[in-house]
């Protein structure tokens, strides 16, 4: 399980989620199990600890 350290980084990876960059430059999360789109990041940059699509870090539909 991923845990926030409070120092601006995360230990471990978030499983069952991937992220991708939208055409407007913002990142959005997707649930790997259902394919459902989740939240869009409101600040610049990527989500911490979430695999980018396609990545192969998680198993198929983990």
PDB file of N, CA and C in Angstrom:
ATOM      1  N   UNK A   1       0.841  -1.174   0.000  1.00  0.00           N
ATOM      2  CA  UNK A   1       0.000   0.000   0.000  1.00  0.00           C
ATOM      3  C   UNK A   1       0.885   1.236   0.000  1.00  0.00           C
ATOM      4  N   UNK A   2       0.510   2.226  -0.760  1.00  0.00           N
ATOM      5  CA  UNK A   2       1.264   3.472  -0.827  1.00  0.00           C
ATOM      6  C   UNK A   2       0.943   4.343   0.388  1.00  0.00           C
ATOM      7  N   UNK A   3       1.955   4.995   0.913  1.00  0.00           N
ATOM      8  CA  UNK A   3       1.764   5.882   2.062  1.00  0.00           C
ATOM      9  C   UNK A   3       2.449   7.212   1.801  1.00  0.00           C
ATOM     10  N   UNK A   4       1.789   8.294   2.165  1.00  0.00           N
ATOM     11  CA  UNK A   4       2.397   9.616   2.089  1.00  0.00           C
ATOM     12  C   UNK A   4       3.365   9.774   3.258  1.00  0.00           C
ATOM     13  N   UNK A   5       4.487  10.420   3.014  1.00  0.00           N
ATOM     14  CA  UNK A   5       5.488  10.607   4.061  1.00  0.00           C
ATOM     15  C   UNK A   5       5.349  11.957   4.754  1.00  0.00           C
ATOM     16  N   UNK A   6       4.672  12.893   4.105  1.00  0.00           N
ATOM     17  CA  UNK A   6       4.586  14.246   4.654  1.00  0.00           C
ATOM     18  C   UNK A   6       5.753  15.121   4.201  1.00  0.00           C
ATOM     19  N   UNK A   7       6.683  14.546   3.447  1.00  0.00           N
ATOM     20  CA  UNK A   7       7.855  15.270   2.962  1.00  0.00           C
ATOM     21  C   UNK A   7       7.813  15.491   1.458  1.00  0.00           C
ATOM     22  N   UNK A   8       6.625  15.397   0.837  1.00  0.00           N
ATOM     23  CA  UNK A   8       6.485  15.678  -0.582  1.00  0.00           C
ATOM     24  C   UNK A   8       6.698  14.482  -1.488  1.00  0.00           C
ATOM     25  N   UNK A   9       6.760  13.290  -0.923  1.00  0.00           N
ATOM     26  CA  UNK A   9       6.868  12.102  -1.768  1.00  0.00           C
ATOM     27  C   UNK A   9       6.080  10.962  -1.126  1.00  0.00           C
ATOM     28  N   UNK A  10       5.903   9.884  -1.872  1.00  0.00           N
ATOM     29  CA  UNK A  10       5.105   8.750  -1.440  1.00  0.00           C
ATOM     30  C   UNK A  10       5.973   7.502  -1.456  1.00  0.00           C
ATOM     31  N   UNK A  11       5.815   6.646  -0.443  1.00  0.00           N
ATOM     32  CA  UNK A  11       6.507   5.351  -0.425  1.00  0.00           C
ATOM     33  C   UNK A  11       5.566   4.307  -1.010  1.00  0.00           C
ATOM     34  N   UNK A  12       6.035   3.615  -2.051  1.00  0.00           N
ATOM     35  CA  UNK A  12       5.232   2.572  -2.671  1.00  0.00           C
ATOM     36  C   UNK A  12       4.430   3.116  -3.830  1.00  0.00           C
ATOM     37  N   UNK A  13       3.807   2.200  -4.552  1.00  0.00           N
ATOM     38  CA  UNK A  13       3.024   2.569  -5.720  1.00  0.00           C
ATOM     39  C   UNK A  13       1.540   2.395  -5.435  1.00  0.00           C
ATOM     40  N   UNK A  14       0.732   3.194  -6.085  1.00  0.00           N
ATOM     41  CA  UNK A  14      -0.712   3.075  -5.996  1.00  0.00           C
ATOM     42  C   UNK A  14      -1.119   1.982  -6.981  1.00  0.00           C
ATOM     43  N   UNK A  15      -1.794   0.936  -6.513  1.00  0.00           N
ATOM     44  CA  UNK A  15      -2.176  -0.164  -7.393  1.00  0.00           C
ATOM     45  C   UNK A  15      -3.606   0.003  -7.871  1.00  0.00           C
ATOM     46  N   UNK A  16      -3.887  -0.567  -9.030  1.00  0.00           N
ATOM     47  CA  UNK A  16      -5.238  -0.524  -9.580  1.00  0.00           C
ATOM     48  C   UNK A  16      -5.600   0.804 -10.219  1.00  0.00           C
ATOM     49  N   UNK A  17      -4.612   1.689 -10.385  1.00  0.00           N
ATOM     50  CA  UNK A  17      -4.863   2.995 -10.987  1.00  0.00           C
ATOM     51  C   UNK A  17      -3.780   3.290 -12.015  1.00  0.00           C
ATOM     52  N   UNK A  18      -4.138   3.967 -13.077  1.00  0.00           N
ATOM     53  CA  UNK A  18      -3.160   4.476 -14.033  1.00  0.00           C
ATOM     54  C   UNK A  18      -3.493   5.935 -14.288  1.00  0.00           C
ATOM     55  N   UNK A  19      -2.555   6.656 -14.890  1.00  0.00           N
ATOM     56  CA  UNK A  19      -2.807   8.048 -15.230  1.00  0.00           C
ATOM     57  C   UNK A  19      -2.344   8.305 -16.649  1.00  0.00           C
ATOM     58  N   UNK A  20      -2.947   9.293 -17.255  1.00  0.00           N
ATOM     59  CA  UNK A  20      -2.568   9.681 -18.606  1.00  0.00           C
ATOM     60  C   UNK A  20      -2.708  11.179 -18.729  1.00  0.00           C
ATOM     61  N   UNK A  21      -1.981  11.747 -19.701  1.00  0.00           N
ATOM     62  CA  UNK A  21      -2.047  13.188 -19.928  1.00  0.00           C
ATOM     63  C   UNK A  21      -3.128  13.471 -20.965  1.00  0.00           C
ATOM     64  N   UNK A  22      -4.059  14.334 -20.607  1.00  0.00           N
ATOM     65  CA  UNK A  22      -5.143  14.705 -21.505  1.00  0.00           C
ATOM     66  C   UNK A  22      -4.643  15.709 -22.540  1.00  0.00           C
ATOM     67  N   UNK A  23      -5.467  15.968 -23.535  1.00  0.00           N
ATOM     68  CA  UNK A  23      -5.075  16.903 -24.597  1.00  0.00           C
ATOM     69  C   UNK A  23      -4.888  18.331 -24.078  1.00  0.00           C
ATOM     70  N   UNK A  24      -5.499  18.670 -22.940  1.00  0.00           N
ATOM     71  CA  UNK A  24      -5.329  20.011 -22.369  1.00  0.00           C
ATOM     72  C   UNK A  24      -4.103  20.110 -21.458  1.00  0.00           C
ATOM     73  N   UNK A  25      -3.314  19.010 -21.352  1.00  0.00           N
ATOM     74  CA  UNK A  25      -2.093  19.030 -20.561  1.00  0.00           C
ATOM     75  C   UNK A  25      -2.269  18.612 -19.113  1.00  0.00           C
ATOM     76  N   UNK A  26      -3.494  18.398 -18.650  1.00  0.00           N
ATOM     77  CA  UNK A  26      -3.751  17.974 -17.276  1.00  0.00           C
ATOM     78  C   UNK A  26      -3.726  16.445 -17.219  1.00  0.00           C
ATOM     79  N   UNK A  27      -3.424  15.882 -16.045  1.00  0.00           N
ATOM     80  CA  UNK A  27      -3.388  14.434 -15.860  1.00  0.00           C
ATOM     81  C   UNK A  27      -4.692  13.954 -15.247  1.00  0.00           C
ATOM     82  N   UNK A  28      -5.140  12.778 -15.687  1.00  0.00           N
ATOM     83  CA  UNK A  28      -6.378  12.187 -15.183  1.00  0.00           C
ATOM     84  C   UNK A  28      -6.112  10.738 -14.812  1.00  0.00           C
ATOM     85  N   UNK A  29      -6.757  10.272 -13.726  1.00  0.00           N
ATOM     86  CA  UNK A  29      -6.608   8.889 -13.288  1.00  0.00           C
ATOM     87  C   UNK A  29      -7.700   8.030 -13.901  1.00  0.00           C
ATOM     88  N   UNK A  30      -7.359   6.731 -14.085  1.00  0.00           N
ATOM     89  CA  UNK A  30      -8.329   5.751 -14.571  1.00  0.00           C
ATOM     90  C   UNK A  30      -8.230   4.515 -13.686  1.00  0.00           C
ATOM     91  N   UNK A  31      -9.381   3.936 -13.325  1.00  0.00           N
ATOM     92  CA  UNK A  31      -9.427   2.698 -12.564  1.00  0.00           C
ATOM     93  C   UNK A  31      -9.122   1.547 -13.521  1.00  0.00           C
ATOM     94  N   UNK A  32      -8.100   0.731 -13.215  1.00  0.00           N
ATOM     95  CA  UNK A  32      -7.722  -0.366 -14.106  1.00  0.00           C
ATOM     96  C   UNK A  32      -8.774  -1.463 -14.162  1.00  0.00           C
ATOM     97  N   UNK A  33      -9.489  -1.671 -13.071  1.00  0.00           N
ATOM     98  CA  UNK A  33     -10.456  -2.771 -13.025  1.00  0.00           C
ATOM     99  C   UNK A  33     -11.692  -2.477 -13.866  1.00  0.00           C
ATOM    100  N   UNK A  34     -12.219  -1.262 -13.759  1.00  0.00           N
ATOM    101  CA  UNK A  34     -13.472  -0.931 -14.436  1.00  0.00           C
ATOM    102  C   UNK A  34     -13.281  -0.065 -15.670  1.00  0.00           C
ATOM    103  N   UNK A  35     -12.129   0.575 -15.801  1.00  0.00           N
ATOM    104  CA  UNK A  35     -11.888   1.489 -16.906  1.00  0.00           C
ATOM    105  C   UNK A  35     -12.524   2.857 -16.689  1.00  0.00           C
ATOM    106  N   UNK A  36     -13.152   3.050 -15.538  1.00  0.00           N
ATOM    107  CA  UNK A  36     -13.842   4.304 -15.228  1.00  0.00           C
ATOM    108  C   UNK A  36     -12.834   5.435 -15.014  1.00  0.00           C
ATOM    109  N   UNK A  37     -13.133   6.600 -15.601  1.00  0.00           N
ATOM    110  CA  UNK A  37     -12.301   7.776 -15.404  1.00  0.00           C
ATOM    111  C   UNK A  37     -12.523   8.320 -14.014  1.00  0.00           C
ATOM    112  N   UNK A  38     -11.441   8.791 -13.388  1.00  0.00           N
ATOM    113  CA  UNK A  38     -11.508   9.320 -12.032  1.00  0.00           C
ATOM    114  C   UNK A  38     -11.132  10.797 -12.068  1.00  0.00           C
ATOM    115  N   UNK A  39     -10.578  11.310 -10.991  1.00  0.00           N
ATOM    116  CA  UNK A  39     -10.327  12.744 -10.888  1.00  0.00           C
ATOM    117  C   UNK A  39      -9.254  13.240 -11.842  1.00  0.00           C
ATOM    118  N   UNK A  40      -9.327  14.530 -12.124  1.00  0.00           N
ATOM    119  CA  UNK A  40      -8.343  15.242 -12.937  1.00  0.00           C
ATOM    120  C   UNK A  40      -7.504  16.074 -11.980  1.00  0.00           C
ATOM    121  N   UNK A  41      -6.183  16.037 -12.152  1.00  0.00           N
ATOM    122  CA  UNK A  41      -5.289  16.803 -11.279  1.00  0.00           C
ATOM    123  C   UNK A  41      -5.458  18.289 -11.580  1.00  0.00           C
ATOM    124  N   UNK A  42      -5.629  19.092 -10.548  1.00  0.00           N
ATOM    125  CA  UNK A  42      -5.884  20.519 -10.704  1.00  0.00           C
ATOM    126  C   UNK A  42      -4.615  21.357 -10.734  1.00  0.00           C
ATOM    127  N   UNK A  43      -3.490  20.778 -10.296  1.00  0.00           N
ATOM    128  CA  UNK A  43      -2.218  21.501 -10.301  1.00  0.00           C
ATOM    129  C   UNK A  43      -1.304  20.871 -11.355  1.00  0.00           C
ATOM    130  N   UNK A  44      -0.305  21.594 -11.821  1.00  0.00           N
ATOM    131  CA  UNK A  44       0.595  21.043 -12.850  1.00  0.00           C
ATOM    132  C   UNK A  44       1.335  19.800 -12.356  1.00  0.00           C
ATOM    133  N   UNK A  45       1.671  18.924 -13.284  1.00  0.00           N
ATOM    134  CA  UNK A  45       2.446  17.732 -12.953  1.00  0.00           C
ATOM    135  C   UNK A  45       1.580  16.487 -12.856  1.00  0.00           C
ATOM    136  N   UNK A  46       2.248  15.384 -12.523  1.00  0.00           N
ATOM    137  CA  UNK A  46       1.595  14.080 -12.459  1.00  0.00           C
ATOM    138  C   UNK A  46       1.147  13.767 -11.039  1.00  0.00           C
ATOM    139  N   UNK A  47       0.261  12.758 -10.913  1.00  0.00           N
ATOM    140  CA  UNK A  47      -0.097  12.220  -9.607  1.00  0.00           C
ATOM    141  C   UNK A  47       1.104  11.448  -9.069  1.00  0.00           C
ATOM    142  N   UNK A  48       1.360  11.515  -7.761  1.00  0.00           N
ATOM    143  CA  UNK A  48       2.477  10.803  -7.153  1.00  0.00           C
ATOM    144  C   UNK A  48       2.154   9.320  -7.029  1.00  0.00           C
ATOM    145  N   UNK A  49       3.084   8.471  -7.472  1.00  0.00           N
ATOM    146  CA  UNK A  49       2.966   7.033  -7.255  1.00  0.00           C
ATOM    147  C   UNK A  49       1.975   6.309  -8.129  1.00  0.00           C
ATOM    148  N   UNK A  50       1.395   6.971  -9.130  1.00  0.00           N
ATOM    149  CA  UNK A  50       0.420   6.337 -10.010  1.00  0.00           C
ATOM    150  C   UNK A  50       1.098   6.045 -11.344  1.00  0.00           C
ATOM    151  N   UNK A  51       0.973   4.809 -11.838  1.00  0.00           N
ATOM    152  CA  UNK A  51       1.620   4.401 -13.082  1.00  0.00           C
ATOM    153  C   UNK A  51       1.037   5.160 -14.265  1.00  0.00           C
ATOM    154  N   UNK A  52       1.902   5.505 -15.229  1.00  0.00           N
ATOM    155  CA  UNK A  52       1.437   6.143 -16.464  1.00  0.00           C
ATOM    156  C   UNK A  52       0.988   5.071 -17.439  1.00  0.00           C
ATOM    157  N   UNK A  53       0.074   5.409 -18.327  1.00  0.00           N
ATOM    158  CA  UNK A  53      -0.391   4.464 -19.348  1.00  0.00           C
ATOM    159  C   UNK A  53       0.436   4.606 -20.601  1.00  0.00           C
ATOM    160  N   UNK A  54       0.746   3.560 -21.321  1.00  0.00           N
ATOM    161  CA  UNK A  54       0.878   2.192 -20.790  1.00  0.00           C
ATOM    162  C   UNK A  54       2.191   2.084 -20.035  1.00  0.00           C
ATOM    163  N   UNK A  55       2.208   1.285 -18.993  1.00  0.00           N
ATOM    164  CA  UNK A  55       3.394   1.217 -18.148  1.00  0.00           C
ATOM    165  C   UNK A  55       3.852  -0.208 -17.911  1.00  0.00           C
ATOM    166  N   UNK A  56       2.926  -1.110 -17.580  1.00  0.00           N
ATOM    167  CA  UNK A  56       3.298  -2.478 -17.296  1.00  0.00           C
ATOM    168  C   UNK A  56       3.723  -2.690 -15.857  1.00  0.00           C
ATOM    169  N   UNK A  57       3.653  -1.633 -15.037  1.00  0.00           N
ATOM    170  CA  UNK A  57       4.056  -1.772 -13.639  1.00  0.00           C
ATOM    171  C   UNK A  57       3.078  -2.664 -12.893  1.00  0.00           C
ATOM    172  N   UNK A  58       1.803  -2.518 -13.155  1.00  0.00           N
ATOM    173  CA  UNK A  58       0.795  -3.364 -12.521  1.00  0.00           C
ATOM    174  C   UNK A  58       0.438  -4.519 -13.450  1.00  0.00           C
ATOM    175  N   UNK A  59      -0.134  -5.558 -12.875  1.00  0.00           N
ATOM    176  CA  UNK A  59      -0.606  -6.663 -13.703  1.00  0.00           C
ATOM    177  C   UNK A  59      -1.863  -6.236 -14.437  1.00  0.00           C
ATOM    178  N   UNK A  60      -2.238  -6.984 -15.451  1.00  0.00           N
ATOM    179  CA  UNK A  60      -3.426  -6.638 -16.216  1.00  0.00           C
ATOM    180  C   UNK A  60      -4.652  -6.661 -15.317  1.00  0.00           C
ATOM    181  N   UNK A  61      -5.385  -5.557 -15.287  1.00  0.00           N
ATOM    182  CA  UNK A  61      -6.587  -5.404 -14.455  1.00  0.00           C
ATOM    183  C   UNK A  61      -6.334  -5.716 -12.995  1.00  0.00           C
ATOM    184  N   UNK A  62      -5.235  -5.217 -12.451  1.00  0.00           N
ATOM    185  CA  UNK A  62      -4.875  -5.522 -11.051  1.00  0.00           C
ATOM    186  C   UNK A  62      -5.847  -4.971 -10.050  1.00  0.00           C
TER     187      UNK A  62
END
